Amino acid sequence: MDVIFLHLQKKVKLRYLLFMISLSICLFFTTSTFSQQNNNTYSPNTENASNEAPVKLDGHTLFSVRGVSSFPAEQRASEISQRIKNVAETDSVSATNIKIVHHDEYSTIYFGENNIISIFDAEAKTEGVSRAIIATTVSKKISSAITSYRLNRSKPVILKNLLYALLSTVLLVIVLFILIKISKKINTGLQNRIKAKIDSVENISFNLIKSNLEGLPFIVQYFKKYFNYFNPSNFSRIRT
């Protein structure tokens, strides 16, 4: 009985340990993500998407650019992304200090004195819109991204994020503490129920054996009388 009880106890503990680990992982990995999208997004035609590469800032895609054999799209997008990042990290350059210079076959976007990107007629023709519209849309997208980049790295936002992280950690610890307490109570209750059932089975077995033992003297007396009856000495007395 003790072996059965220990086996059941280990089984219950293992199930609740797995439950606690699974719940902790769910709580840890459950987070809220927020993103902002600009309605004036530059969305290139997808027909030539294989020759495109995304321009990114802080992991967010701003728009895509095309390349040529001598200047692949990936290399062009990487250089443009780096220029935008350099401007975003330079507080002296205003995110609204935009200048678009139009040439015969291309338009160049400047932030302050920094050349960011040139939009060519071939790109505008592929998109089916004018070069000026593309340049304006891209400049607004870059400006919005730079503003968000600086805002996310400002002291108030950093402190707010740290506070949220601290509160989330405290909440997680409290929830885990409560779950551990509840699991211990449930585990104790299950152990008591299992032990009670085992004790009940032991009592039933004991009573059954006891009742059989109580009837044993009667059986012994019966067989004793039976053998005495057929004792040869009894038969010799009857003959005499």
Protein backbone atom coordinates (compact mmCIF):
# COMPACT_ATOMS: atom_id res chain seq x y z
CA MET A 1 0.00 0.00 0.00
CA ASP A 2 2.81 2.40 0.84
CA VAL A 3 4.39 1.76 -2.56
CA ILE A 4 1.12 2.58 -4.32
CA PHE A 5 0.72 5.74 -2.29
CA LEU A 6 4.25 6.94 -3.09
CA HIS A 7 3.72 6.20 -6.79
CA LEU A 8 0.47 8.18 -6.90
CA GLN A 9 2.05 11.03 -4.92
CA LYS A 10 4.93 11.30 -7.41
CA LYS A 11 2.47 11.23 -10.31
CA VAL A 12 0.42 14.09 -8.84
CA LYS A 13 3.53 16.19 -8.17
CA LEU A 14 4.80 15.65 -11.73
CA ARG A 15 1.50 16.74 -13.27
CA TYR A 16 1.37 19.95 -11.25
CA LEU A 17 5.03 20.69 -11.95
CA LEU A 18 4.37 20.44 -15.69
CA PHE A 19 1.27 22.61 -15.27
CA MET A 20 3.25 25.30 -13.43
CA ILE A 21 6.05 25.31 -16.03
CA SER A 22 3.59 25.60 -18.94
CA LEU A 23 1.66 28.41 -17.28
CA SER A 24 4.85 30.30 -16.43
CA ILE A 25 6.05 30.11 -20.03
CA CYS A 26 2.69 31.40 -21.29
CA LEU A 27 2.75 34.33 -18.86
CA PHE A 28 6.36 35.13 -19.65
CA PHE A 29 5.95 35.12 -23.37
CA THR A 30 2.55 36.88 -23.41
CA THR A 31 3.36 40.57 -24.21
CA SER A 32 1.61 43.43 -25.95
CA THR A 33 3.19 44.99 -29.04
CA PHE A 34 2.29 48.38 -30.47
CA SER A 35 3.08 49.79 -33.90
CA GLN A 36 2.17 52.95 -35.79
CA GLN A 37 1.58 53.11 -39.52
CA ASN A 38 1.60 56.19 -41.69
CA ASN A 39 -1.26 56.37 -44.17
CA ASN A 40 1.04 57.88 -46.77
CA THR A 41 3.01 54.67 -47.17
CA TYR A 42 5.08 54.24 -50.27
CA SER A 43 3.99 50.83 -51.62
CA PRO A 44 5.94 49.75 -54.65
CA ASN A 45 4.42 47.72 -57.44
CA THR A 46 4.83 44.01 -56.63
CA GLU A 47 5.42 42.95 -60.21
CA ASN A 48 9.20 43.54 -59.88
CA ALA A 49 9.43 42.69 -56.17
CA SER A 50 12.24 40.22 -56.78
CA ASN A 51 14.55 43.19 -57.59
CA GLU A 52 13.58 45.10 -54.44
CA ALA A 53 15.00 45.43 -50.95
CA PRO A 54 13.45 47.05 -47.86
CA VAL A 55 14.75 50.25 -46.31
CA LYS A 56 14.49 49.89 -42.54
CA LEU A 57 14.91 51.94 -39.39
CA ASP A 58 14.89 50.34 -35.97
CA GLY A 59 13.65 47.09 -37.48
CA HIS A 60 10.62 48.66 -39.19
CA THR A 61 10.32 48.69 -42.98
CA LEU A 62 9.76 52.19 -44.35
CA PHE A 63 9.66 51.46 -48.09
CA SER A 64 11.43 49.40 -50.73
CA VAL A 65 13.92 50.40 -53.40
CA ARG A 66 15.06 48.79 -56.62
CA GLY A 67 18.55 48.18 -57.85
CA VAL A 68 20.51 47.45 -61.01
CA SER A 69 23.23 44.93 -61.78
CA SER A 70 26.00 47.37 -60.85
CA PHE A 71 24.22 48.57 -57.71
CA PRO A 72 22.06 45.75 -56.24
CA ALA A 73 18.87 46.57 -54.36
CA GLU A 74 20.20 45.12 -51.10
CA GLN A 75 23.29 47.34 -51.16
CA ARG A 76 21.27 50.43 -52.05
CA ALA A 77 18.69 49.77 -49.31
CA SER A 78 21.46 49.18 -46.75
CA GLU A 79 23.18 52.49 -47.55
CA ILE A 80 19.90 54.43 -47.44
CA SER A 81 18.96 52.79 -44.12
CA GLN A 82 22.32 53.79 -42.64
CA ARG A 83 21.92 57.41 -43.81
CA ILE A 84 18.48 57.62 -42.21
CA LYS A 85 19.82 56.15 -38.97
CA ASN A 86 22.69 58.65 -38.90
CA VAL A 87 20.23 61.53 -39.22
CA ALA A 88 17.93 60.01 -36.57
CA GLU A 89 20.85 59.85 -34.12
CA THR A 90 21.84 63.46 -34.83
CA ASP A 91 19.57 65.64 -32.73
CA SER A 92 20.85 68.81 -34.39
CA VAL A 93 19.14 67.78 -37.63
CA SER A 94 15.41 68.42 -37.42
CA ALA A 95 13.09 65.66 -38.63
CA THR A 96 11.06 68.32 -40.44
CA ASN A 97 14.02 69.96 -42.15
CA ILE A 98 13.23 68.30 -45.47
CA LYS A 99 14.39 69.51 -48.84
CA ILE A 100 13.52 67.88 -52.17
CA VAL A 101 15.65 68.91 -55.15
CA HIS A 102 14.25 67.97 -58.55
CA HIS A 103 16.57 67.31 -61.48
CA ASP A 104 15.88 66.27 -65.04
CA GLU A 105 15.82 62.52 -64.43
CA TYR A 106 15.73 62.20 -60.66
CA SER A 107 14.75 63.89 -57.41
CA THR A 108 16.95 63.94 -54.29
CA ILE A 109 15.66 64.09 -50.72
CA TYR A 110 17.75 65.95 -48.13
CA PHE A 111 17.40 66.21 -44.38
CA GLY A 112 19.39 69.29 -43.50
CA GLU A 113 22.52 68.92 -45.60
CA ASN A 114 22.34 65.12 -45.63
CA ASN A 115 21.60 63.41 -48.93
CA ILE A 116 19.27 60.52 -48.10
CA ILE A 117 17.86 59.08 -51.32
CA SER A 118 17.36 59.82 -55.00
CA ILE A 119 14.16 58.84 -56.80
CA PHE A 120 14.58 58.15 -60.53
CA ASP A 121 12.16 58.44 -63.43
CA ALA A 122 12.41 54.71 -64.08
CA GLU A 123 11.08 53.98 -60.57
CA ALA A 124 8.23 56.45 -60.96
CA LYS A 125 7.33 54.94 -64.34
CA THR A 126 7.29 51.44 -62.84
CA GLU A 127 5.03 52.61 -60.02
CA GLY A 128 2.72 54.46 -62.37
CA VAL A 129 2.88 57.73 -60.40
CA SER A 130 4.89 60.91 -60.77
CA ARG A 131 8.38 61.20 -59.36
CA ALA A 132 7.33 64.23 -57.27
CA ILE A 133 4.57 62.25 -55.54
CA ILE A 134 6.93 59.40 -54.72
CA ALA A 135 9.57 61.82 -53.37
CA THR A 136 7.01 63.60 -51.18
CA THR A 137 5.58 60.33 -49.83
CA VAL A 138 9.03 58.88 -49.08
CA SER A 139 10.20 62.09 -47.37
CA LYS A 140 7.15 62.07 -45.08
CA LYS A 141 7.71 58.41 -44.26
CA ILE A 142 11.34 59.06 -43.36
CA SER A 143 10.42 62.10 -41.26
CA SER A 144 7.82 60.12 -39.29
CA ALA A 145 10.27 57.26 -38.73
CA ILE A 146 13.00 59.61 -37.45
CA THR A 147 10.55 61.26 -35.05
CA SER A 148 9.45 57.86 -33.69
CA TYR A 149 13.07 56.69 -33.41
CA ARG A 150 14.04 59.70 -31.30
CA LEU A 151 10.88 59.54 -29.20
CA ASN A 152 11.42 55.87 -28.33
CA ARG A 153 14.90 56.73 -27.08
CA SER A 154 13.93 59.78 -25.06
CA LYS A 155 14.31 59.65 -21.28
CA PRO A 156 10.57 59.77 -20.45
CA VAL A 157 9.83 56.84 -22.78
CA ILE A 158 12.79 54.84 -21.47
CA LEU A 159 11.70 55.43 -17.86
CA LYS A 160 8.12 54.50 -18.75
CA ASN A 161 9.27 51.28 -20.42
CA LEU A 162 11.42 50.44 -17.40
CA LEU A 163 8.45 51.03 -15.12
CA TYR A 164 6.24 48.80 -17.26
CA ALA A 165 8.91 46.09 -17.23
CA LEU A 166 9.22 46.35 -13.44
CA LEU A 167 5.45 46.18 -12.92
CA SER A 168 5.19 43.22 -15.30
CA THR A 169 7.92 41.40 -13.39
CA VAL A 170 6.26 42.08 -10.03
CA LEU A 171 2.90 40.95 -11.41
CA LEU A 172 4.45 37.78 -12.78
CA VAL A 173 6.06 37.01 -9.40
CA ILE A 174 2.74 37.58 -7.60
CA VAL A 175 0.84 35.36 -10.03
CA LEU A 176 3.45 32.61 -9.73
CA PHE A 177 3.36 32.88 -5.92
CA ILE A 178 -0.44 32.53 -5.91
CA LEU A 179 -0.33 29.60 -8.33
CA ILE A 180 2.28 27.83 -6.20
CA LYS A 181 0.12 28.30 -3.10
CA ILE A 182 -2.96 27.00 -4.91
CA SER A 183 -1.06 24.05 -6.37
CA LYS A 184 0.27 23.12 -2.92
CA LYS A 185 -3.25 23.16 -1.47
CA ILE A 186 -4.60 21.09 -4.35
CA ASN A 187 -1.68 18.70 -4.09
CA THR A 188 -2.22 18.30 -0.33
CA GLY A 189 -5.93 17.72 -0.85
CA LEU A 190 -5.32 15.08 -3.50
CA GLN A 191 -2.73 13.36 -1.31
CA ASN A 192 -5.19 13.29 1.60
CA ARG A 193 -7.90 11.83 -0.63
CA ILE A 194 -5.55 9.18 -1.99
CA LYS A 195 -4.38 8.32 1.52
CA ALA A 196 -7.97 8.12 2.74
CA LYS A 197 -8.87 5.72 -0.08
CA ILE A 198 -5.84 3.58 0.66
CA ASP A 199 -6.71 3.54 4.40
CA SER A 200 -10.27 2.56 3.50
CA VAL A 201 -9.02 -0.33 1.37
CA GLU A 202 -6.71 -1.42 4.21
CA ASN A 203 -9.60 -1.31 6.72
CA ILE A 204 -11.83 -3.36 4.44
CA SER A 205 -9.08 -5.92 3.94
CA PHE A 206 -8.39 -6.05 7.69
CA ASN A 207 -12.09 -6.50 8.55
CA LEU A 208 -12.42 -9.22 5.96
CA ILE A 209 -9.42 -11.10 7.32
CA LYS A 210 -10.65 -10.58 10.88
CA SER A 211 -14.09 -11.95 10.07
CA ASN A 212 -12.52 -14.99 8.45
CA LEU A 213 -10.33 -15.53 11.49
CA GLU A 214 -13.34 -15.25 13.80
CA GLY A 215 -15.07 -18.03 11.93
CA LEU A 216 -12.00 -20.26 12.00
CA PRO A 217 -12.61 -21.76 15.52
CA PHE A 218 -16.09 -22.92 14.45
CA ILE A 219 -14.64 -24.61 11.39
CA VAL A 220 -11.95 -26.27 13.50
CA GLN A 221 -14.57 -27.54 15.97
CA TYR A 222 -16.68 -28.88 13.11
CA PHE A 223 -13.81 -30.84 11.58
CA LYS A 224 -12.78 -32.07 15.04
CA LYS A 225 -16.21 -33.49 15.66
CA TYR A 226 -16.24 -34.93 12.16
CA PHE A 227 -12.99 -36.81 12.65
CA ASN A 228 -14.01 -37.95 16.16
CA TYR A 229 -17.15 -39.44 14.73
CA PHE A 230 -15.19 -41.60 12.31
CA ASN A 231 -12.57 -42.52 14.89
CA PRO A 232 -12.03 -46.37 14.84
CA SER A 233 -12.24 -46.46 18.60
CA ASN A 234 -15.85 -45.37 18.37
CA PHE A 235 -16.61 -48.27 16.03
CA SER A 236 -15.04 -50.80 18.47
CA ARG A 237 -17.23 -49.50 21.30
CA ILE A 238 -20.33 -49.99 19.17
CA ARG A 239 -19.40 -53.64 18.45
CA THR A 240 -19.03 -54.44 22.11
